[in-house]
């Protein structure tokens, strides 16, 4: 919602069709190919890391040019970092459980 509203405020048109999201993505989308939780976690961690890179680059682009967008992207980046950390913690917990029950 935040991004869509800002795109409209800047005179653009947000992508509303999910098919377009897959075409225009910066990070691509890898549908889970293996149902093993560890593999799915790895895919999600990779996606979060890519998003962190995208938002970091966007911060550099709007820095000192658009404080509203800068602050919005900074908020989103913080959320992405938190998501990545949460997924990493889950992965570590899963690894510990797997080692315990080998």
PDB file of N, CA and C in Angstrom:
ATOM      1  N   UNK A   1       0.808  -1.193   0.000  1.00  0.00           N
ATOM      2  CA  UNK A   1       0.000   0.000   0.000  1.00  0.00           C
ATOM      3  C   UNK A   1       0.859   1.268   0.000  1.00  0.00           C
ATOM      4  N   UNK A   2       1.916   1.247   0.807  1.00  0.00           N
ATOM      5  CA  UNK A   2       2.789   2.412   0.903  1.00  0.00           C
ATOM      6  C   UNK A   2       3.399   2.757  -0.447  1.00  0.00           C
ATOM      7  N   UNK A   3       3.930   1.738  -1.101  1.00  0.00           N
ATOM      8  CA  UNK A   3       4.576   1.975  -2.393  1.00  0.00           C
ATOM      9  C   UNK A   3       3.577   2.419  -3.446  1.00  0.00           C
ATOM     10  N   UNK A   4       2.433   1.760  -3.496  1.00  0.00           N
ATOM     11  CA  UNK A   4       1.423   2.101  -4.503  1.00  0.00           C
ATOM     12  C   UNK A   4       0.972   3.548  -4.335  1.00  0.00           C
ATOM     13  N   UNK A   5       0.716   3.955  -3.109  1.00  0.00           N
ATOM     14  CA  UNK A   5       0.288   5.335  -2.857  1.00  0.00           C
ATOM     15  C   UNK A   5       1.371   6.325  -3.278  1.00  0.00           C
ATOM     16  N   UNK A   6       2.623   6.020  -2.970  1.00  0.00           N
ATOM     17  CA  UNK A   6       3.712   6.933  -3.335  1.00  0.00           C
ATOM     18  C   UNK A   6       3.879   7.010  -4.847  1.00  0.00           C
ATOM     19  N   UNK A   7       3.735   5.887  -5.535  1.00  0.00           N
ATOM     20  CA  UNK A   7       3.818   5.884  -6.998  1.00  0.00           C
ATOM     21  C   UNK A   7       2.741   6.789  -7.578  1.00  0.00           C
ATOM     22  N   UNK A   8       1.531   6.705  -7.043  1.00  0.00           N
ATOM     23  CA  UNK A   8       0.428   7.559  -7.509  1.00  0.00           C
ATOM     24  C   UNK A   8       0.733   9.024  -7.211  1.00  0.00           C
ATOM     25  N   UNK A   9       1.231   9.318  -6.005  1.00  0.00           N
ATOM     26  CA  UNK A   9       1.571  10.695  -5.637  1.00  0.00           C
ATOM     27  C   UNK A   9       2.606  11.290  -6.583  1.00  0.00           C
ATOM     28  N   UNK A  10       3.492  10.451  -7.083  1.00  0.00           N
ATOM     29  CA  UNK A  10       4.541  10.922  -7.994  1.00  0.00           C
ATOM     30  C   UNK A  10       4.100  10.920  -9.454  1.00  0.00           C
ATOM     31  N   UNK A  11       2.819  10.580  -9.691  1.00  0.00           N
ATOM     32  CA  UNK A  11       2.278  10.627 -11.048  1.00  0.00           C
ATOM     33  C   UNK A  11       2.391   9.336 -11.830  1.00  0.00           C
ATOM     34  N   UNK A  12       2.785   8.274 -11.175  1.00  0.00           N
ATOM     35  CA  UNK A  12       2.916   6.985 -11.856  1.00  0.00           C
ATOM     36  C   UNK A  12       1.685   6.121 -11.672  1.00  0.00           C
ATOM     37  N   UNK A  13       1.751   4.947 -12.233  1.00  0.00           N
ATOM     38  CA  UNK A  13       0.672   3.973 -12.117  1.00  0.00           C
ATOM     39  C   UNK A  13       1.254   2.689 -11.534  1.00  0.00           C
ATOM     40  N   UNK A  14       0.794   2.311 -10.344  1.00  0.00           N
ATOM     41  CA  UNK A  14       1.324   1.076  -9.751  1.00  0.00           C
ATOM     42  C   UNK A  14       0.843  -0.155 -10.514  1.00  0.00           C
ATOM     43  N   UNK A  15       1.630  -1.197 -10.459  1.00  0.00           N
ATOM     44  CA  UNK A  15       1.237  -2.464 -11.068  1.00  0.00           C
ATOM     45  C   UNK A  15       0.216  -3.132 -10.150  1.00  0.00           C
ATOM     46  N   UNK A  16      -0.966  -3.419 -10.690  1.00  0.00           N
ATOM     47  CA  UNK A  16      -2.006  -4.035  -9.866  1.00  0.00           C
ATOM     48  C   UNK A  16      -2.299  -5.476 -10.270  1.00  0.00           C
ATOM     49  N   UNK A  17      -1.807  -5.884 -11.416  1.00  0.00           N
ATOM     50  CA  UNK A  17      -2.027  -7.236 -11.904  1.00  0.00           C
ATOM     51  C   UNK A  17      -0.860  -8.119 -11.460  1.00  0.00           C
ATOM     52  N   UNK A  18      -1.129  -9.175 -10.675  1.00  0.00           N
ATOM     53  CA  UNK A  18      -0.034 -10.036 -10.211  1.00  0.00           C
ATOM     54  C   UNK A  18       0.847 -10.585 -11.330  1.00  0.00           C
ATOM     55  N   UNK A  19       0.291 -10.812 -12.505  1.00  0.00           N
ATOM     56  CA  UNK A  19       1.114 -11.287 -13.623  1.00  0.00           C
ATOM     57  C   UNK A  19       2.198 -10.266 -13.965  1.00  0.00           C
ATOM     58  N   UNK A  20       1.865  -8.983 -13.847  1.00  0.00           N
ATOM     59  CA  UNK A  20       2.848  -7.933 -14.108  1.00  0.00           C
ATOM     60  C   UNK A  20       3.945  -7.918 -13.042  1.00  0.00           C
ATOM     61  N   UNK A  21       3.590  -8.277 -11.819  1.00  0.00           N
ATOM     62  CA  UNK A  21       4.584  -8.310 -10.746  1.00  0.00           C
ATOM     63  C   UNK A  21       5.709  -9.265 -11.109  1.00  0.00           C
ATOM     64  N   UNK A  22       5.336 -10.422 -11.677  1.00  0.00           N
ATOM     65  CA  UNK A  22       6.346 -11.422 -12.034  1.00  0.00           C
ATOM     66  C   UNK A  22       7.220 -10.944 -13.193  1.00  0.00           C
ATOM     67  N   UNK A  23       6.638 -10.154 -14.101  1.00  0.00           N
ATOM     68  CA  UNK A  23       7.398  -9.645 -15.246  1.00  0.00           C
ATOM     69  C   UNK A  23       8.354  -8.526 -14.843  1.00  0.00           C
ATOM     70  N   UNK A  24       7.934  -7.696 -13.908  1.00  0.00           N
ATOM     71  CA  UNK A  24       8.680  -6.482 -13.567  1.00  0.00           C
ATOM     72  C   UNK A  24       9.536  -6.605 -12.304  1.00  0.00           C
ATOM     73  N   UNK A  25       9.561  -7.752 -11.691  1.00  0.00           N
ATOM     74  CA  UNK A  25      10.288  -7.927 -10.434  1.00  0.00           C
ATOM     75  C   UNK A  25      11.790  -7.692 -10.594  1.00  0.00           C
ATOM     76  N   UNK A  26      12.387  -7.147  -9.564  1.00  0.00           N
ATOM     77  CA  UNK A  26      13.840  -6.974  -9.533  1.00  0.00           C
ATOM     78  C   UNK A  26      14.547  -8.255  -9.104  1.00  0.00           C
ATOM     79  N   UNK A  27      13.845  -9.094  -8.390  1.00  0.00           N
ATOM     80  CA  UNK A  27      14.470 -10.284  -7.800  1.00  0.00           C
ATOM     81  C   UNK A  27      13.985 -11.595  -8.406  1.00  0.00           C
ATOM     82  N   UNK A  28      13.022 -11.530  -9.284  1.00  0.00           N
ATOM     83  CA  UNK A  28      12.483 -12.762  -9.838  1.00  0.00           C
ATOM     84  C   UNK A  28      11.633 -13.490  -8.816  1.00  0.00           C
ATOM     85  N   UNK A  29      11.077 -14.592  -9.223  1.00  0.00           N
ATOM     86  CA  UNK A  29      10.302 -15.424  -8.308  1.00  0.00           C
ATOM     87  C   UNK A  29      10.607 -16.874  -8.619  1.00  0.00           C
ATOM     88  N   UNK A  30      11.091 -17.579  -7.627  1.00  0.00           N
ATOM     89  CA  UNK A  30      11.354 -19.003  -7.764  1.00  0.00           C
ATOM     90  C   UNK A  30      10.291 -19.749  -6.980  1.00  0.00           C
ATOM     91  N   UNK A  31       9.374 -20.378  -7.698  1.00  0.00           N
ATOM     92  CA  UNK A  31       8.371 -21.196  -7.027  1.00  0.00           C
ATOM     93  C   UNK A  31       9.095 -22.331  -6.315  1.00  0.00           C
ATOM     94  N   UNK A  32       8.646 -22.670  -5.116  1.00  0.00           N
ATOM     95  CA  UNK A  32       9.303 -23.770  -4.407  1.00  0.00           C
ATOM     96  C   UNK A  32       9.315 -25.036  -5.260  1.00  0.00           C
ATOM     97  N   UNK A  33      10.491 -25.580  -5.459  1.00  0.00           N
ATOM     98  CA  UNK A  33      10.623 -26.787  -6.273  1.00  0.00           C
ATOM     99  C   UNK A  33      10.834 -28.022  -5.404  1.00  0.00           C
ATOM    100  N   UNK A  34      11.095 -27.798  -4.133  1.00  0.00           N
ATOM    101  CA  UNK A  34      11.338 -28.885  -3.194  1.00  0.00           C
ATOM    102  C   UNK A  34      10.530 -28.578  -1.933  1.00  0.00           C
ATOM    103  N   UNK A  35       9.674 -29.504  -1.492  1.00  0.00           N
ATOM    104  CA  UNK A  35       8.825 -29.218  -0.332  1.00  0.00           C
ATOM    105  C   UNK A  35       9.562 -29.259   1.008  1.00  0.00           C
ATOM    106  N   UNK A  36      10.843 -29.616   1.006  1.00  0.00           N
ATOM    107  CA  UNK A  36      11.600 -29.675   2.253  1.00  0.00           C
ATOM    108  C   UNK A  36      11.717 -28.270   2.842  1.00  0.00           C
ATOM    109  N   UNK A  37      11.362 -28.138   4.107  1.00  0.00           N
ATOM    110  CA  UNK A  37      11.312 -26.831   4.767  1.00  0.00           C
ATOM    111  C   UNK A  37      12.639 -26.086   4.644  1.00  0.00           C
ATOM    112  N   UNK A  38      13.739 -26.786   4.779  1.00  0.00           N
ATOM    113  CA  UNK A  38      15.053 -26.127   4.710  1.00  0.00           C
ATOM    114  C   UNK A  38      15.271 -25.477   3.345  1.00  0.00           C
ATOM    115  N   UNK A  39      14.828 -26.133   2.294  1.00  0.00           N
ATOM    116  CA  UNK A  39      14.957 -25.582   0.939  1.00  0.00           C
ATOM    117  C   UNK A  39      14.068 -24.352   0.776  1.00  0.00           C
ATOM    118  N   UNK A  40      12.850 -24.425   1.289  1.00  0.00           N
ATOM    119  CA  UNK A  40      11.931 -23.286   1.197  1.00  0.00           C
ATOM    120  C   UNK A  40      12.488 -22.101   1.985  1.00  0.00           C
ATOM    121  N   UNK A  41      13.026 -22.369   3.165  1.00  0.00           N
ATOM    122  CA  UNK A  41      13.650 -21.296   3.949  1.00  0.00           C
ATOM    123  C   UNK A  41      14.801 -20.659   3.176  1.00  0.00           C
ATOM    124  N   UNK A  42      15.631 -21.477   2.552  1.00  0.00           N
ATOM    125  CA  UNK A  42      16.765 -20.947   1.783  1.00  0.00           C
ATOM    126  C   UNK A  42      16.277 -20.053   0.647  1.00  0.00           C
ATOM    127  N   UNK A  43      15.215 -20.471  -0.042  1.00  0.00           N
ATOM    128  CA  UNK A  43      14.666 -19.647  -1.124  1.00  0.00           C
ATOM    129  C   UNK A  43      14.143 -18.323  -0.583  1.00  0.00           C
ATOM    130  N   UNK A  44      13.459 -18.380   0.558  1.00  0.00           N
ATOM    131  CA  UNK A  44      12.915 -17.157   1.139  1.00  0.00           C
ATOM    132  C   UNK A  44      14.013 -16.233   1.648  1.00  0.00           C
ATOM    133  N   UNK A  45      15.049 -16.798   2.232  1.00  0.00           N
ATOM    134  CA  UNK A  45      16.183 -15.985   2.689  1.00  0.00           C
ATOM    135  C   UNK A  45      16.826 -15.287   1.494  1.00  0.00           C
ATOM    136  N   UNK A  46      17.011 -16.025   0.419  1.00  0.00           N
ATOM    137  CA  UNK A  46      17.581 -15.434  -0.796  1.00  0.00           C
ATOM    138  C   UNK A  46      16.696 -14.281  -1.297  1.00  0.00           C
ATOM    139  N   UNK A  47      15.380 -14.475  -1.287  1.00  0.00           N
ATOM    140  CA  UNK A  47      14.460 -13.423  -1.724  1.00  0.00           C
ATOM    141  C   UNK A  47      14.552 -12.182  -0.854  1.00  0.00           C
ATOM    142  N   UNK A  48      14.640 -12.381   0.455  1.00  0.00           N
ATOM    143  CA  UNK A  48      14.764 -11.240   1.368  1.00  0.00           C
ATOM    144  C   UNK A  48      16.089 -10.515   1.147  1.00  0.00           C
ATOM    145  N   UNK A  49      17.160 -11.266   0.934  1.00  0.00           N
ATOM    146  CA  UNK A  49      18.462 -10.643   0.692  1.00  0.00           C
ATOM    147  C   UNK A  49      18.448  -9.831  -0.597  1.00  0.00           C
ATOM    148  N   UNK A  50      17.771 -10.339  -1.607  1.00  0.00           N
ATOM    149  CA  UNK A  50      17.651  -9.588  -2.857  1.00  0.00           C
ATOM    150  C   UNK A  50      16.864  -8.302  -2.619  1.00  0.00           C
ATOM    151  N   UNK A  51      15.742  -8.405  -1.892  1.00  0.00           N
ATOM    152  CA  UNK A  51      14.926  -7.222  -1.601  1.00  0.00           C
ATOM    153  C   UNK A  51      15.734  -6.190  -0.819  1.00  0.00           C
ATOM    154  N   UNK A  52      16.538  -6.643   0.123  1.00  0.00           N
ATOM    155  CA  UNK A  52      17.392  -5.730   0.891  1.00  0.00           C
ATOM    156  C   UNK A  52      18.332  -4.984  -0.052  1.00  0.00           C
ATOM    157  N   UNK A  53      18.897  -5.682  -1.005  1.00  0.00           N
ATOM    158  CA  UNK A  53      19.772  -5.040  -1.985  1.00  0.00           C
ATOM    159  C   UNK A  53      19.038  -4.022  -2.836  1.00  0.00           C
ATOM    160  N   UNK A  54      17.832  -4.371  -3.271  1.00  0.00           N
ATOM    161  CA  UNK A  54      17.032  -3.462  -4.103  1.00  0.00           C
ATOM    162  C   UNK A  54      16.702  -2.193  -3.332  1.00  0.00           C
ATOM    163  N   UNK A  55      16.224  -2.343  -2.096  1.00  0.00           N
ATOM    164  CA  UNK A  55      15.853  -1.161  -1.314  1.00  0.00           C
ATOM    165  C   UNK A  55      17.077  -0.340  -0.918  1.00  0.00           C
ATOM    166  N   UNK A  56      18.207  -0.981  -0.702  1.00  0.00           N
ATOM    167  CA  UNK A  56      19.443  -0.248  -0.404  1.00  0.00           C
ATOM    168  C   UNK A  56      19.852   0.610  -1.600  1.00  0.00           C
ATOM    169  N   UNK A  57      19.769   0.034  -2.799  1.00  0.00           N
ATOM    170  CA  UNK A  57      20.099   0.807  -4.013  1.00  0.00           C
ATOM    171  C   UNK A  57      19.102   1.948  -4.216  1.00  0.00           C
ATOM    172  N   UNK A  58      17.834   1.690  -3.937  1.00  0.00           N
ATOM    173  CA  UNK A  58      16.816   2.731  -4.080  1.00  0.00           C
ATOM    174  C   UNK A  58      17.081   3.884  -3.114  1.00  0.00           C
ATOM    175  N   UNK A  59      17.526   3.565  -1.906  1.00  0.00           N
ATOM    176  CA  UNK A  59      17.879   4.624  -0.951  1.00  0.00           C
ATOM    177  C   UNK A  59      18.951   5.541  -1.524  1.00  0.00           C
ATOM    178  N   UNK A  60      19.953   4.959  -2.157  1.00  0.00           N
ATOM    179  CA  UNK A  60      21.028   5.760  -2.750  1.00  0.00           C
ATOM    180  C   UNK A  60      20.502   6.655  -3.871  1.00  0.00           C
ATOM    181  N   UNK A  61      19.537   6.158  -4.621  1.00  0.00           N
ATOM    182  CA  UNK A  61      18.980   6.933  -5.739  1.00  0.00           C
ATOM    183  C   UNK A  61      18.205   8.149  -5.240  1.00  0.00           C
ATOM    184  N   UNK A  62      17.385   7.967  -4.185  1.00  0.00           N
ATOM    185  CA  UNK A  62      16.512   9.064  -3.739  1.00  0.00           C
ATOM    186  C   UNK A  62      17.135   9.925  -2.638  1.00  0.00           C
ATOM    187  N   UNK A  63      18.285   9.498  -2.129  1.00  0.00           N
ATOM    188  CA  UNK A  63      18.964  10.241  -1.060  1.00  0.00           C
ATOM    189  C   UNK A  63      19.177  11.689  -1.485  1.00  0.00           C
ATOM    190  N   UNK A  64      18.832  12.605  -0.616  1.00  0.00           N
ATOM    191  CA  UNK A  64      18.990  14.044  -0.843  1.00  0.00           C
ATOM    192  C   UNK A  64      18.143  14.582  -1.997  1.00  0.00           C
ATOM    193  N   UNK A  65      17.241  13.761  -2.557  1.00  0.00           N
ATOM    194  CA  UNK A  65      16.387  14.215  -3.658  1.00  0.00           C
ATOM    195  C   UNK A  65      14.911  14.163  -3.298  1.00  0.00           C
ATOM    196  N   UNK A  66      14.523  13.157  -2.513  1.00  0.00           N
ATOM    197  CA  UNK A  66      13.108  12.934  -2.210  1.00  0.00           C
ATOM    198  C   UNK A  66      13.004  12.368  -0.793  1.00  0.00           C
ATOM    199  N   UNK A  67      12.927  13.252   0.211  1.00  0.00           N
ATOM    200  CA  UNK A  67      12.926  12.779   1.599  1.00  0.00           C
ATOM    201  C   UNK A  67      11.718  11.909   1.957  1.00  0.00           C
ATOM    202  N   UNK A  68      10.582  12.139   1.326  1.00  0.00           N
ATOM    203  CA  UNK A  68       9.395  11.324   1.618  1.00  0.00           C
ATOM    204  C   UNK A  68       9.637   9.882   1.179  1.00  0.00           C
ATOM    205  N   UNK A  69      10.087   9.722  -0.063  1.00  0.00           N
ATOM    206  CA  UNK A  69      10.366   8.377  -0.568  1.00  0.00           C
ATOM    207  C   UNK A  69      11.520   7.752   0.207  1.00  0.00           C
ATOM    208  N   UNK A  70      12.529   8.534   0.527  1.00  0.00           N
ATOM    209  CA  UNK A  70      13.673   8.020   1.281  1.00  0.00           C
ATOM    210  C   UNK A  70      13.216   7.412   2.604  1.00  0.00           C
ATOM    211  N   UNK A  71      12.406   8.144   3.350  1.00  0.00           N
ATOM    212  CA  UNK A  71      11.935   7.647   4.650  1.00  0.00           C
ATOM    213  C   UNK A  71      11.037   6.426   4.496  1.00  0.00           C
ATOM    214  N   UNK A  72      10.213   6.404   3.456  1.00  0.00           N
ATOM    215  CA  UNK A  72       9.349   5.265   3.200  1.00  0.00           C
ATOM    216  C   UNK A  72      10.201   4.027   2.890  1.00  0.00           C
ATOM    217  N   UNK A  73      11.186   4.181   2.026  1.00  0.00           N
ATOM    218  CA  UNK A  73      12.050   3.060   1.647  1.00  0.00           C
ATOM    219  C   UNK A  73      12.875   2.603   2.849  1.00  0.00           C
ATOM    220  N   UNK A  74      13.297   3.529   3.676  1.00  0.00           N
ATOM    221  CA  UNK A  74      14.046   3.178   4.881  1.00  0.00           C
ATOM    222  C   UNK A  74      13.198   2.297   5.803  1.00  0.00           C
ATOM    223  N   UNK A  75      11.920   2.625   5.931  1.00  0.00           N
ATOM    224  CA  UNK A  75      10.994   1.823   6.733  1.00  0.00           C
ATOM    225  C   UNK A  75      10.839   0.425   6.148  1.00  0.00           C
ATOM    226  N   UNK A  76      10.653   0.359   4.844  1.00  0.00           N
ATOM    227  CA  UNK A  76      10.496  -0.941   4.179  1.00  0.00           C
ATOM    228  C   UNK A  76      11.777  -1.758   4.312  1.00  0.00           C
ATOM    229  N   UNK A  77      12.921  -1.116   4.150  1.00  0.00           N
ATOM    230  CA  UNK A  77      14.204  -1.812   4.272  1.00  0.00           C
ATOM    231  C   UNK A  77      14.355  -2.418   5.668  1.00  0.00           C
ATOM    232  N   UNK A  78      13.982  -1.672   6.688  1.00  0.00           N
ATOM    233  CA  UNK A  78      14.070  -2.189   8.060  1.00  0.00           C
ATOM    234  C   UNK A  78      13.196  -3.431   8.222  1.00  0.00           C
ATOM    235  N   UNK A  79      12.020  -3.421   7.606  1.00  0.00           N
ATOM    236  CA  UNK A  79      11.135  -4.587   7.663  1.00  0.00           C
ATOM    237  C   UNK A  79      11.761  -5.782   6.949  1.00  0.00           C
ATOM    238  N   UNK A  80      12.367  -5.538   5.802  1.00  0.00           N
ATOM    239  CA  UNK A  80      13.000  -6.622   5.045  1.00  0.00           C
ATOM    240  C   UNK A  80      14.168  -7.222   5.823  1.00  0.00           C
ATOM    241  N   UNK A  81      14.954  -6.380   6.471  1.00  0.00           N
ATOM    242  CA  UNK A  81      16.072  -6.870   7.286  1.00  0.00           C
ATOM    243  C   UNK A  81      15.537  -7.731   8.429  1.00  0.00           C
ATOM    244  N   UNK A  82      14.470  -7.277   9.062  1.00  0.00           N
ATOM    245  CA  UNK A  82      13.863  -8.053  10.148  1.00  0.00           C
ATOM    246  C   UNK A  82      13.357  -9.402   9.636  1.00  0.00           C
ATOM    247  N   UNK A  83      12.717  -9.407   8.477  1.00  0.00           N
ATOM    248  CA  UNK A  83      12.233 -10.666   7.893  1.00  0.00           C
ATOM    249  C   UNK A  83      13.396 -11.622   7.638  1.00  0.00           C
ATOM    250  N   UNK A  84      14.474 -11.088   7.067  1.00  0.00           N
ATOM    251  CA  UNK A  84      15.635 -11.928   6.756  1.00  0.00           C
ATOM    252  C   UNK A  84      16.241 -12.500   8.033  1.00  0.00           C
ATOM    253  N   UNK A  85      16.332 -11.686   9.067  1.00  0.00           N
ATOM    254  CA  UNK A  85      16.874 -12.159  10.346  1.00  0.00           C
ATOM    255  C   UNK A  85      15.983 -13.240  10.949  1.00  0.00           C
ATOM    256  N   UNK A  86      14.662 -13.050  10.874  1.00  0.00           N
ATOM    257  CA  UNK A  86      13.721 -14.051  11.387  1.00  0.00           C
ATOM    258  C   UNK A  86      13.874 -15.375  10.645  1.00  0.00           C
ATOM    259  N   UNK A  87      13.987 -15.300   9.322  1.00  0.00           N
ATOM    260  CA  UNK A  87      14.145 -16.518   8.526  1.00  0.00           C
ATOM    261  C   UNK A  87      15.477 -17.201   8.822  1.00  0.00           C
ATOM    262  N   UNK A  88      16.534 -16.414   8.995  1.00  0.00           N
ATOM    263  CA  UNK A  88      17.841 -16.985   9.343  1.00  0.00           C
ATOM    264  C   UNK A  88      17.758 -17.707  10.693  1.00  0.00           C
ATOM    265  N   UNK A  89      17.053 -17.105  11.653  1.00  0.00           N
ATOM    266  CA  UNK A  89      16.904 -17.725  12.974  1.00  0.00           C
ATOM    267  C   UNK A  89      16.125 -19.035  12.869  1.00  0.00           C
ATOM    268  N   UNK A  90      15.076 -19.046  12.066  1.00  0.00           N
ATOM    269  CA  UNK A  90      14.321 -20.282  11.849  1.00  0.00           C
ATOM    270  C   UNK A  90      15.209 -21.353  11.232  1.00  0.00           C
ATOM    271  N   UNK A  91      16.001 -20.957  10.263  1.00  0.00           N
ATOM    272  CA  UNK A  91      16.896 -21.901   9.601  1.00  0.00           C
ATOM    273  C   UNK A  91      17.908 -22.477  10.598  1.00  0.00           C
ATOM    274  N   UNK A  92      18.455 -21.625  11.442  1.00  0.00           N
ATOM    275  CA  UNK A  92      19.409 -22.088  12.451  1.00  0.00           C
ATOM    276  C   UNK A  92      18.740 -23.026  13.451  1.00  0.00           C
ATOM    277  N   UNK A  93      17.517 -22.691  13.868  1.00  0.00           N
ATOM    278  CA  UNK A  93      16.778 -23.560  14.787  1.00  0.00           C
ATOM    279  C   UNK A  93      16.495 -24.913  14.147  1.00  0.00           C
ATOM    280  N   UNK A  94      16.103 -24.900  12.890  1.00  0.00           N
ATOM    281  CA  UNK A  94      15.830 -26.143  12.177  1.00  0.00           C
ATOM    282  C   UNK A  94      17.100 -26.983  12.070  1.00  0.00           C
ATOM    283  N   UNK A  95      18.205 -26.344  11.773  1.00  0.00           N
ATOM    284  CA  UNK A  95      19.488 -27.051  11.676  1.00  0.00           C
ATOM    285  C   UNK A  95      19.843 -27.699  13.010  1.00  0.00           C
ATOM    286  N   UNK A  96      19.637 -26.975  14.108  1.00  0.00           N
ATOM    287  CA  UNK A  96      19.932 -27.518  15.438  1.00  0.00           C
ATOM    288  C   UNK A  96      19.041 -28.722  15.739  1.00  0.00           C
ATOM    289  N   UNK A  97      17.771 -28.638  15.380  1.00  0.00           N
ATOM    290  CA  UNK A  97      16.861 -29.769  15.590  1.00  0.00           C
ATOM    291  C   UNK A  97      17.272 -30.977  14.760  1.00  0.00           C
ATOM    292  N   UNK A  98      17.653 -30.723  13.528  1.00  0.00           N
ATOM    293  CA  UNK A  98      18.058 -31.820  12.653  1.00  0.00           C
ATOM    294  C   UNK A  98      19.320 -32.501  13.190  1.00  0.00           C
ATOM    295  N   UNK A  99      20.250 -31.729  13.710  1.00  0.00           N
ATOM    296  CA  UNK A  99      21.481 -32.292  14.270  1.00  0.00           C
ATOM    297  C   UNK A  99      21.162 -33.104  15.527  1.00  0.00           C
ATOM    298  N   UNK A 100      20.225 -32.621  16.288  1.00  0.00           N
ATOM    299  CA  UNK A 100      19.856 -33.273  17.542  1.00  0.00           C
ATOM    300  C   UNK A 100      19.243 -34.649  17.313  1.00  0.00           C
ATOM    301  N   UNK A 101      18.477 -34.781  16.246  1.00  0.00           N
ATOM    302  CA  UNK A 101      17.745 -36.025  16.002  1.00  0.00           C
ATOM    303  C   UNK A 101      18.361 -36.883  14.907  1.00  0.00           C
ATOM    304  N   UNK A 102      19.627 -36.721  14.655  1.00  0.00           N
ATOM    305  CA  UNK A 102      20.298 -37.571  13.656  1.00  0.00           C
ATOM    306  C   UNK A 102      20.674 -38.894  14.252  1.00  0.00           C
TER     307      UNK A 102
END
